[in-house]
C-alpha atoms as a PDB file:
ATOM      1  CA  MET A   1     -28.855  15.369 -49.918  1.00  0.00           C
ATOM      2  CA  SER A   2     -28.338  12.295 -52.054  1.00  0.00           C
ATOM      3  CA  THR A   3     -27.341  12.383 -55.683  1.00  0.00           C
ATOM      4  CA  ASN A   4     -30.408  10.298 -56.532  1.00  0.00           C
ATOM      5  CA  ASN A   5     -32.788  12.875 -54.993  1.00  0.00           C
ATOM      6  CA  MET A   6     -31.101  15.698 -56.868  1.00  0.00           C
ATOM      7  CA  LEU A   7     -31.187  13.786 -60.169  1.00  0.00           C
ATOM      8  CA  ARG A   8     -34.843  12.901 -59.547  1.00  0.00           C
ATOM      9  CA  MET A   9     -35.716  16.582 -59.152  1.00  0.00           C
ATOM     10  CA  VAL A  10     -33.748  17.441 -62.294  1.00  0.00           C
ATOM     11  CA  ARG A  11     -35.950  14.919 -64.108  1.00  0.00           C
ATOM     12  CA  VAL A  12     -39.062  16.427 -62.485  1.00  0.00           C
ATOM     13  CA  SER A  13     -38.134  19.950 -63.640  1.00  0.00           C
ATOM     14  CA  LEU A  14     -37.315  18.822 -67.161  1.00  0.00           C
ATOM     15  CA  GLY A  15     -40.475  16.715 -67.218  1.00  0.00           C
ATOM     16  CA  VAL A  16     -42.571  19.689 -66.111  1.00  0.00           C
ATOM     17  CA  ASN A  17     -41.055  21.782 -68.908  1.00  0.00           C
ATOM     18  CA  ILE A  18     -41.818  19.110 -71.486  1.00  0.00           C
ATOM     19  CA  ALA A  19     -45.315  18.340 -70.181  1.00  0.00           C
ATOM     20  CA  VAL A  20     -46.310  22.008 -70.035  1.00  0.00           C
ATOM     21  CA  LEU A  21     -44.605  23.253 -73.184  1.00  0.00           C
ATOM     22  CA  ILE A  22     -45.818  20.639 -75.679  1.00  0.00           C
ATOM     23  CA  PRO A  23     -49.481  21.664 -75.321  1.00  0.00           C
ATOM     24  CA  VAL A  24     -48.644  25.360 -74.849  1.00  0.00           C
ATOM     25  CA  CYS A  25     -46.583  25.445 -78.055  1.00  0.00           C
ATOM     26  CA  ALA A  26     -49.309  23.531 -79.906  1.00  0.00           C
ATOM     27  CA  VAL A  27     -51.937  26.041 -78.753  1.00  0.00           C
ATOM     28  CA  LEU A  28     -49.774  28.972 -79.825  1.00  0.00           C
ATOM     29  CA  ILE A  29     -48.897  27.421 -83.190  1.00  0.00           C
ATOM     30  CA  LEU A  30     -52.517  26.465 -83.939  1.00  0.00           C
ATOM     31  CA  ASN A  31     -53.826  29.790 -82.597  1.00  0.00           C
ATOM     32  CA  LEU A  32     -56.647  28.035 -80.747  1.00  0.00           C
ATOM     33  CA  ALA A  33     -59.430  30.526 -80.039  1.00  0.00           C
ATOM     34  CA  PRO A  34     -60.231  29.756 -76.364  1.00  0.00           C
ATOM     35  CA  LEU A  35     -56.678  30.562 -75.314  1.00  0.00           C
ATOM     36  CA  VAL A  36     -56.205  33.689 -77.402  1.00  0.00           C
ATOM     37  CA  ASP A  37     -57.568  35.524 -74.343  1.00  0.00           C
ATOM     38  CA  VAL A  38     -54.682  34.137 -72.291  1.00  0.00           C
ATOM     39  CA  TRP A  39     -51.769  34.857 -74.653  1.00  0.00           C
ATOM     40  CA  GLY A  40     -53.384  37.452 -76.862  1.00  0.00           C
ATOM     41  CA  PRO A  41     -53.788  37.457 -80.645  1.00  0.00           C
ATOM     42  CA  ALA A  42     -51.059  36.312 -83.013  1.00  0.00           C
ATOM     43  CA  THR A  43     -48.488  39.126 -83.039  1.00  0.00           C
ATOM     44  CA  PRO A  44     -44.710  39.348 -83.464  1.00  0.00           C
ATOM     45  CA  ALA A  45     -44.445  39.517 -79.665  1.00  0.00           C
ATOM     46  CA  ARG A  46     -46.372  36.264 -79.277  1.00  0.00           C
ATOM     47  CA  GLY A  47     -44.134  34.736 -81.960  1.00  0.00           C
ATOM     48  CA  ILE A  48     -41.096  35.693 -79.902  1.00  0.00           C
ATOM     49  CA  LEU A  49     -42.715  34.090 -76.846  1.00  0.00           C
ATOM     50  CA  LEU A  50     -43.349  30.921 -78.871  1.00  0.00           C
ATOM     51  CA  SER A  51     -39.704  30.935 -79.955  1.00  0.00           C
ATOM     52  CA  MET A  52     -38.599  31.122 -76.328  1.00  0.00           C
ATOM     53  CA  TYR A  53     -40.994  28.335 -75.318  1.00  0.00           C
ATOM     54  CA  LEU A  54     -39.806  26.126 -78.204  1.00  0.00           C
ATOM     55  CA  SER A  55     -36.180  26.757 -77.211  1.00  0.00           C
ATOM     56  CA  ILE A  56     -36.860  25.711 -73.619  1.00  0.00           C
ATOM     57  CA  LEU A  57     -38.753  22.645 -74.859  1.00  0.00           C
ATOM     58  CA  ILE A  58     -35.944  21.568 -77.201  1.00  0.00           C
ATOM     59  CA  LEU A  59     -33.319  22.134 -74.503  1.00  0.00           C
ATOM     60  CA  SER A  60     -35.398  20.228 -71.959  1.00  0.00           C
ATOM     61  CA  VAL A  61     -35.704  17.210 -74.250  1.00  0.00           C
ATOM     62  CA  GLY A  62     -31.984  17.313 -75.023  1.00  0.00           C
ATOM     63  CA  LEU A  63     -31.005  17.729 -71.381  1.00  0.00           C
ATOM     64  CA  TRP A  64     -33.375  14.901 -70.385  1.00  0.00           C
ATOM     65  CA  MET A  65     -31.185  12.612 -72.503  1.00  0.00           C
ATOM     66  CA  GLN A  66     -27.907  14.247 -71.431  1.00  0.00           C
ATOM     67  CA  ARG A  67     -28.532  13.894 -67.662  1.00  0.00           C
ATOM     68  CA  ASN A  68     -25.966  16.512 -66.603  1.00  0.00           C
ATOM     69  CA  PRO A  69     -27.342  18.734 -63.798  1.00  0.00           C
ATOM     70  CA  MET A  70     -24.726  21.426 -64.336  1.00  0.00           C
ATOM     71  CA  LEU A  71     -26.025  21.907 -67.881  1.00  0.00           C
ATOM     72  CA  VAL A  72     -29.609  22.100 -66.585  1.00  0.00           C
ATOM     73  CA  ALA A  73     -28.856  24.715 -63.892  1.00  0.00           C
ATOM     74  CA  PRO A  74     -28.440  27.785 -66.174  1.00  0.00           C
ATOM     75  CA  MET A  75     -31.698  27.077 -67.986  1.00  0.00           C
ATOM     76  CA  LEU A  76     -33.564  26.691 -64.700  1.00  0.00           C
ATOM     77  CA  ALA A  77     -32.040  29.926 -63.371  1.00  0.00           C
ATOM     78  CA  MET A  78     -33.182  31.805 -66.473  1.00  0.00           C
ATOM     79  CA  GLN A  79     -36.660  30.306 -66.232  1.00  0.00           C
ATOM     80  CA  ILE A  80     -36.955  31.200 -62.544  1.00  0.00           C
ATOM     81  CA  CYS A  81     -36.005  34.810 -63.315  1.00  0.00           C
ATOM     82  CA  TYR A  82     -38.494  35.292 -66.133  1.00  0.00           C
ATOM     83  CA  LYS A  83     -41.285  33.397 -64.387  1.00  0.00           C
ATOM     84  CA  VAL A  84     -40.930  35.341 -61.125  1.00  0.00           C
ATOM     85  CA  THR A  85     -40.923  38.670 -62.967  1.00  0.00           C
ATOM     86  CA  THR A  86     -44.024  37.777 -65.018  1.00  0.00           C
ATOM     87  CA  PRO A  87     -46.549  39.135 -62.469  1.00  0.00           C
ATOM     88  CA  PHE A  88     -44.782  42.492 -62.623  1.00  0.00           C
ATOM     89  CA  THR A  89     -44.553  42.635 -66.423  1.00  0.00           C
ATOM     90  CA  VAL A  90     -48.150  41.428 -66.896  1.00  0.00           C
ATOM     91  CA  GLY A  91     -49.437  43.567 -64.034  1.00  0.00           C
ATOM     92  CA  THR A  92     -51.550  40.896 -62.355  1.00  0.00           C
ATOM     93  CA  LEU A  93     -51.466  37.603 -60.505  1.00  0.00           C
ATOM     94  CA  ALA A  94     -54.904  36.665 -61.872  1.00  0.00           C
ATOM     95  CA  ASN A  95     -53.714  35.514 -65.321  1.00  0.00           C
ATOM     96  CA  PRO A  96     -53.514  31.687 -65.618  1.00  0.00           C
ATOM     97  CA  VAL A  97     -50.109  31.884 -67.330  1.00  0.00           C
ATOM     98  CA  VAL A  98     -48.758  33.972 -64.442  1.00  0.00           C
ATOM     99  CA  ILE A  99     -50.084  31.464 -61.895  1.00  0.00           C
ATOM    100  CA  CYS A 100     -48.567  28.540 -63.821  1.00  0.00           C
ATOM    101  CA  ASN A 101     -45.260  30.409 -64.097  1.00  0.00           C
ATOM    102  CA  ILE A 102     -45.084  30.904 -60.331  1.00  0.00           C
ATOM    103  CA  VAL A 103     -45.804  27.219 -59.634  1.00  0.00           C
ATOM    104  CA  VAL A 104     -43.192  26.076 -62.160  1.00  0.00           C
ATOM    105  CA  ALA A 105     -40.687  28.599 -60.756  1.00  0.00           C
ATOM    106  CA  ILE A 106     -41.106  27.052 -57.295  1.00  0.00           C
ATOM    107  CA  VAL A 107     -40.407  23.562 -58.665  1.00  0.00           C
ATOM    108  CA  HIS A 108     -37.372  24.825 -60.601  1.00  0.00           C
ATOM    109  CA  ALA A 109     -36.081  26.765 -57.573  1.00  0.00           C
ATOM    110  CA  ILE A 110     -36.127  23.599 -55.473  1.00  0.00           C
ATOM    111  CA  THR A 111     -34.289  21.714 -58.224  1.00  0.00           C
ATOM    112  CA  LEU A 112     -31.723  24.476 -58.676  1.00  0.00           C
ATOM    113  CA  TRP A 113     -31.133  24.616 -54.922  1.00  0.00           C
ATOM    114  CA  LEU A 114     -30.517  20.840 -54.893  1.00  0.00           C
ATOM    115  CA  ILE A 115     -28.109  21.084 -57.845  1.00  0.00           C
ATOM    116  CA  VAL A 116     -26.122  23.896 -56.208  1.00  0.00           C
ATOM    117  CA  THR A 117     -26.117  22.185 -52.804  1.00  0.00           C
ATOM    118  CA  HIS A 118     -24.941  18.917 -54.335  1.00  0.00           C
ATOM    119  CA  HIS A 119     -22.254  20.674 -56.387  1.00  0.00           C
ATOM    120  CA  ARG A 120     -20.917  22.537 -53.345  1.00  0.00           C
ATOM    121  CA  ALA A 121     -20.865  19.363 -51.246  1.00  0.00           C
ATOM    122  CA  SER A 122     -19.026  17.397 -53.944  1.00  0.00           C
ATOM    123  CA  ALA A 123     -16.490  20.233 -54.409  1.00  0.00           C
ATOM    124  CA  LYS A 124     -15.311  19.993 -50.794  1.00  0.00           C
END
């Protein structure tokens, strides 16, 4: 696997985070009515979720500029874990956030696999 392919996928994962989280954070901050059904009403729990989303967004923008895959890997691993467990904590696969989480987790898993594979190959 080439370094360029791995770096391209790192950019894809960070780009997905940025592209998804800007509108999601805006919707949560503005408490837009059509999506209250998706995330629920404004509560402390939803505020904590917004905080997590904003943290991932800020890190993604910073890491986009940093371009160091080994700094990206832990964030992707954390995102994969929480996104894959979402169907179990929500109790359904039918929720649009759950579906989006699974799709993003697949993209991040591919990127993380490429980072790890590249790191192992360069360590030999």
